N, C-alpha and C. Protein backbone atom coordinates (compact mmCIF):
# COMPACT_ATOMS: atom_id res chain seq x y z
N MET A 1 6.20 3.95 1.89
CA MET A 1 6.38 4.30 3.11
C MET A 1 6.72 5.78 3.07
N ASN A 2 6.05 6.57 3.83
CA ASN A 2 6.52 8.06 3.85
C ASN A 2 7.60 8.41 4.94
N ALA A 3 7.97 9.62 4.93
CA ALA A 3 9.07 10.05 5.60
C ALA A 3 9.02 9.92 7.17
N SER A 4 7.78 9.83 7.78
CA SER A 4 7.50 9.60 9.00
C SER A 4 7.11 8.37 9.48
N GLU A 5 7.13 7.39 8.67
CA GLU A 5 6.79 6.08 8.87
C GLU A 5 8.15 5.16 9.00
N SER A 6 8.12 4.04 9.77
CA SER A 6 9.21 3.40 9.85
C SER A 6 8.91 1.80 9.77
N MET A 7 9.63 1.04 9.60
CA MET A 7 9.45 -0.52 9.63
C MET A 7 10.05 -0.98 10.80
N VAL A 8 9.38 -1.85 11.49
CA VAL A 8 9.77 -2.44 12.82
C VAL A 8 9.53 -3.88 12.81
N GLU A 9 10.15 -4.72 13.45
CA GLU A 9 9.94 -6.16 13.44
C GLU A 9 10.06 -6.74 14.78
N PHE A 10 9.13 -7.72 15.15
CA PHE A 10 9.24 -8.22 16.54
C PHE A 10 9.28 -9.75 16.35
N ARG A 11 9.94 -10.46 17.21
CA ARG A 11 9.61 -11.95 17.30
C ARG A 11 8.50 -12.07 18.59
N VAL A 12 7.65 -12.72 18.25
CA VAL A 12 6.35 -13.06 19.22
C VAL A 12 6.26 -14.53 19.29
N GLU A 13 7.24 -15.22 20.19
CA GLU A 13 7.17 -16.55 20.30
C GLU A 13 5.86 -17.29 20.74
N ASP A 14 5.19 -16.52 21.59
CA ASP A 14 3.80 -16.97 22.16
C ASP A 14 2.73 -16.78 21.19
N MET A 15 2.91 -16.31 20.01
CA MET A 15 1.89 -16.32 18.81
C MET A 15 1.84 -17.58 18.23
N SER A 16 0.72 -18.39 18.24
CA SER A 16 0.77 -19.89 17.69
C SER A 16 -0.35 -20.17 16.89
N CYS A 17 -1.31 -19.39 16.59
CA CYS A 17 -2.43 -19.70 15.71
C CYS A 17 -2.94 -18.43 15.08
N GLY A 18 -4.20 -18.65 14.30
CA GLY A 18 -4.54 -17.70 13.50
C GLY A 18 -5.33 -16.72 14.37
N HIS A 19 -5.93 -17.17 15.46
CA HIS A 19 -6.54 -16.14 16.42
C HIS A 19 -5.62 -15.10 16.91
N CYS A 20 -4.21 -15.64 17.29
CA CYS A 20 -3.26 -14.74 17.70
C CYS A 20 -2.97 -13.81 16.83
N VAL A 21 -2.84 -14.28 15.42
CA VAL A 21 -2.57 -13.28 14.36
C VAL A 21 -3.54 -12.20 14.27
N ASP A 22 -4.78 -12.53 14.55
CA ASP A 22 -5.90 -11.57 14.35
C ASP A 22 -5.98 -10.67 15.47
N THR A 23 -5.58 -11.07 16.62
CA THR A 23 -5.70 -10.40 17.87
C THR A 23 -4.48 -9.22 17.81
N ILE A 24 -3.50 -9.78 17.40
CA ILE A 24 -2.25 -8.84 17.30
C ILE A 24 -2.46 -7.62 16.34
N THR A 25 -3.03 -8.15 15.03
CA THR A 25 -3.35 -7.39 14.02
C THR A 25 -4.32 -6.17 14.48
N LYS A 26 -5.45 -6.65 15.06
CA LYS A 26 -6.36 -5.75 15.73
C LYS A 26 -5.83 -4.67 16.73
N ALA A 27 -4.97 -5.13 17.56
CA ALA A 27 -4.39 -4.21 18.55
C ALA A 27 -3.48 -3.25 18.02
N ILE A 28 -2.62 -3.72 16.97
CA ILE A 28 -1.77 -2.62 16.33
C ILE A 28 -2.75 -1.69 15.58
N LYS A 29 -3.60 -2.18 14.88
CA LYS A 29 -4.61 -1.22 13.97
C LYS A 29 -5.33 -0.44 14.90
N ALA A 30 -5.62 -0.84 16.15
CA ALA A 30 -6.44 0.10 17.08
C ALA A 30 -5.52 1.24 17.52
N ALA A 31 -4.22 1.06 17.55
CA ALA A 31 -3.15 2.16 17.95
C ALA A 31 -2.98 2.87 16.75
N ASP A 32 -2.96 2.35 15.70
CA ASP A 32 -2.56 3.10 14.26
C ASP A 32 -3.42 2.46 13.30
N PRO A 33 -4.52 3.08 12.96
CA PRO A 33 -5.23 2.50 11.88
C PRO A 33 -4.80 2.42 10.56
N ASN A 34 -3.58 3.28 10.36
CA ASN A 34 -3.02 3.35 9.02
C ASN A 34 -1.79 2.43 8.84
N ALA A 35 -1.58 1.75 9.94
CA ALA A 35 -0.26 0.71 10.15
C ALA A 35 -0.58 -0.38 9.01
N ALA A 36 0.59 -0.69 8.46
CA ALA A 36 0.66 -1.87 7.48
C ALA A 36 1.06 -2.96 8.52
N VAL A 37 0.45 -4.11 8.50
CA VAL A 37 0.89 -5.10 9.41
C VAL A 37 1.06 -6.54 8.59
N GLU A 38 2.11 -7.02 8.85
CA GLU A 38 2.42 -8.44 8.08
C GLU A 38 2.90 -9.33 9.12
N ILE A 39 2.26 -10.53 9.17
CA ILE A 39 2.68 -11.48 10.24
C ILE A 39 3.05 -12.82 9.52
N ASN A 40 4.19 -13.38 9.86
CA ASN A 40 4.53 -14.64 9.41
C ASN A 40 4.56 -15.60 10.87
N LEU A 41 3.36 -16.33 10.80
CA LEU A 41 3.12 -17.14 11.99
C LEU A 41 4.29 -18.27 12.22
N GLN A 42 4.50 -18.97 11.11
CA GLN A 42 5.49 -19.90 11.24
C GLN A 42 6.89 -19.48 11.83
N ALA A 43 7.20 -18.28 11.47
CA ALA A 43 8.62 -17.67 11.95
C ALA A 43 8.34 -16.74 13.16
N HIS A 44 7.06 -16.54 13.67
CA HIS A 44 6.64 -15.94 14.72
C HIS A 44 7.31 -14.37 14.65
N VAL A 45 7.19 -13.93 13.50
CA VAL A 45 7.71 -12.71 13.18
C VAL A 45 6.41 -11.54 12.86
N VAL A 46 6.36 -10.37 13.62
CA VAL A 46 5.50 -9.34 13.24
C VAL A 46 6.07 -8.27 12.61
N ARG A 47 5.76 -7.94 11.45
CA ARG A 47 6.32 -6.62 10.80
C ARG A 47 5.49 -5.66 10.70
N VAL A 48 5.72 -4.44 11.08
CA VAL A 48 4.81 -3.21 11.02
C VAL A 48 5.42 -2.02 10.56
N GLU A 49 4.74 -1.39 9.52
CA GLU A 49 5.23 -0.17 9.03
C GLU A 49 4.09 0.91 9.57
N SER A 50 4.57 1.91 10.38
CA SER A 50 3.79 2.60 11.11
C SER A 50 4.45 4.03 11.40
N GLU A 51 3.71 5.05 11.70
CA GLU A 51 4.15 6.36 12.22
C GLU A 51 4.46 6.26 13.66
N LEU A 52 3.96 5.22 14.31
CA LEU A 52 4.09 5.02 15.79
C LEU A 52 5.62 4.59 16.10
N ALA A 53 6.04 4.84 17.31
CA ALA A 53 7.46 4.45 17.63
C ALA A 53 7.37 3.10 17.96
N ALA A 54 8.43 2.27 17.94
CA ALA A 54 8.53 1.00 18.20
C ALA A 54 7.95 0.53 19.48
N GLU A 55 8.32 1.36 20.44
CA GLU A 55 7.70 1.11 21.80
C GLU A 55 6.20 1.23 21.91
N ASP A 56 5.70 1.95 21.12
CA ASP A 56 4.22 2.15 21.14
C ASP A 56 3.57 0.89 20.42
N ILE A 57 4.24 0.36 19.38
CA ILE A 57 3.65 -0.83 18.94
C ILE A 57 3.83 -2.05 19.55
N SER A 58 5.06 -2.13 20.46
CA SER A 58 5.43 -3.22 21.37
C SER A 58 4.38 -3.16 22.31
N ALA A 59 3.98 -1.90 22.92
CA ALA A 59 2.94 -1.78 24.06
C ALA A 59 1.61 -2.36 23.65
N ALA A 60 1.25 -2.13 22.19
CA ALA A 60 -0.04 -2.65 21.85
C ALA A 60 -0.06 -4.01 21.86
N ILE A 61 1.09 -4.77 21.36
CA ILE A 61 1.20 -6.18 21.40
C ILE A 61 1.10 -6.75 22.92
N VAL A 62 1.75 -6.23 23.71
CA VAL A 62 1.75 -6.64 25.25
C VAL A 62 0.27 -6.53 25.71
N ASP A 63 -0.33 -5.28 25.27
CA ASP A 63 -1.70 -5.07 25.86
C ASP A 63 -2.55 -6.21 25.36
N ALA A 64 -2.44 -6.82 24.10
CA ALA A 64 -3.09 -7.98 23.54
C ALA A 64 -2.70 -9.25 24.25
N GLY A 65 -1.92 -9.27 25.01
CA GLY A 65 -1.44 -10.43 25.91
C GLY A 65 -0.28 -11.19 25.22
N TYR A 66 0.49 -10.63 24.50
CA TYR A 66 1.65 -11.42 23.79
C TYR A 66 3.00 -10.67 24.39
N THR A 67 4.12 -11.38 23.93
CA THR A 67 5.39 -11.10 24.41
C THR A 67 6.48 -10.62 23.10
N PRO A 68 6.32 -9.53 22.80
CA PRO A 68 7.11 -9.05 21.64
C PRO A 68 8.60 -8.80 22.02
N VAL A 69 9.48 -9.25 21.10
CA VAL A 69 10.96 -9.13 21.38
C VAL A 69 11.40 -8.44 20.07
N ALA A 70 12.13 -7.16 20.16
CA ALA A 70 12.56 -6.62 18.98
C ALA A 70 13.51 -7.55 18.23
N ALA A 71 13.19 -7.77 16.97
CA ALA A 71 13.75 -8.63 16.03
C ALA A 71 14.77 -7.74 15.13
N PRO A 72 15.73 -8.33 14.83
CA PRO A 72 16.86 -7.79 13.76
C PRO A 72 16.30 -7.70 12.41
N PRO A 73 16.44 -6.59 11.51
CA PRO A 73 15.76 -6.38 10.34
C PRO A 73 16.15 -7.77 9.47
N ASP A 74 15.09 -8.12 8.56
CA ASP A 74 15.12 -9.20 7.57
C ASP A 74 15.02 -10.64 8.28
N THR A 75 14.30 -10.75 9.54
CA THR A 75 14.13 -12.10 9.89
C THR A 75 13.06 -12.81 9.37
N TRP A 76 12.35 -12.24 8.42
CA TRP A 76 11.29 -12.65 7.63
C TRP A 76 11.81 -14.05 7.04
C-alpha cells in the first residue's frame, strides 16, 4: 500500500451470493481499476485498498445496488 492508499471496510448485509460479490467487485474496479478488493461473503464484509475516499467506494457499492455500512477495522 503506498502513501496515498488506504484500507476501508464495509459491512454489506444484502450481499448474499457469488453474483453479488462479482457485481460489487466490478463496481469498485470501475471506480478505481487499481483497487485491491477482498470480499468475505459469509461475514458480509468488503475490504478495499484504494486511493479513493471511503465515500467514493461506498457510492460505487450503492450504485451497484447494495447497502454498505462502514465497518470497524478487523471485522474480517
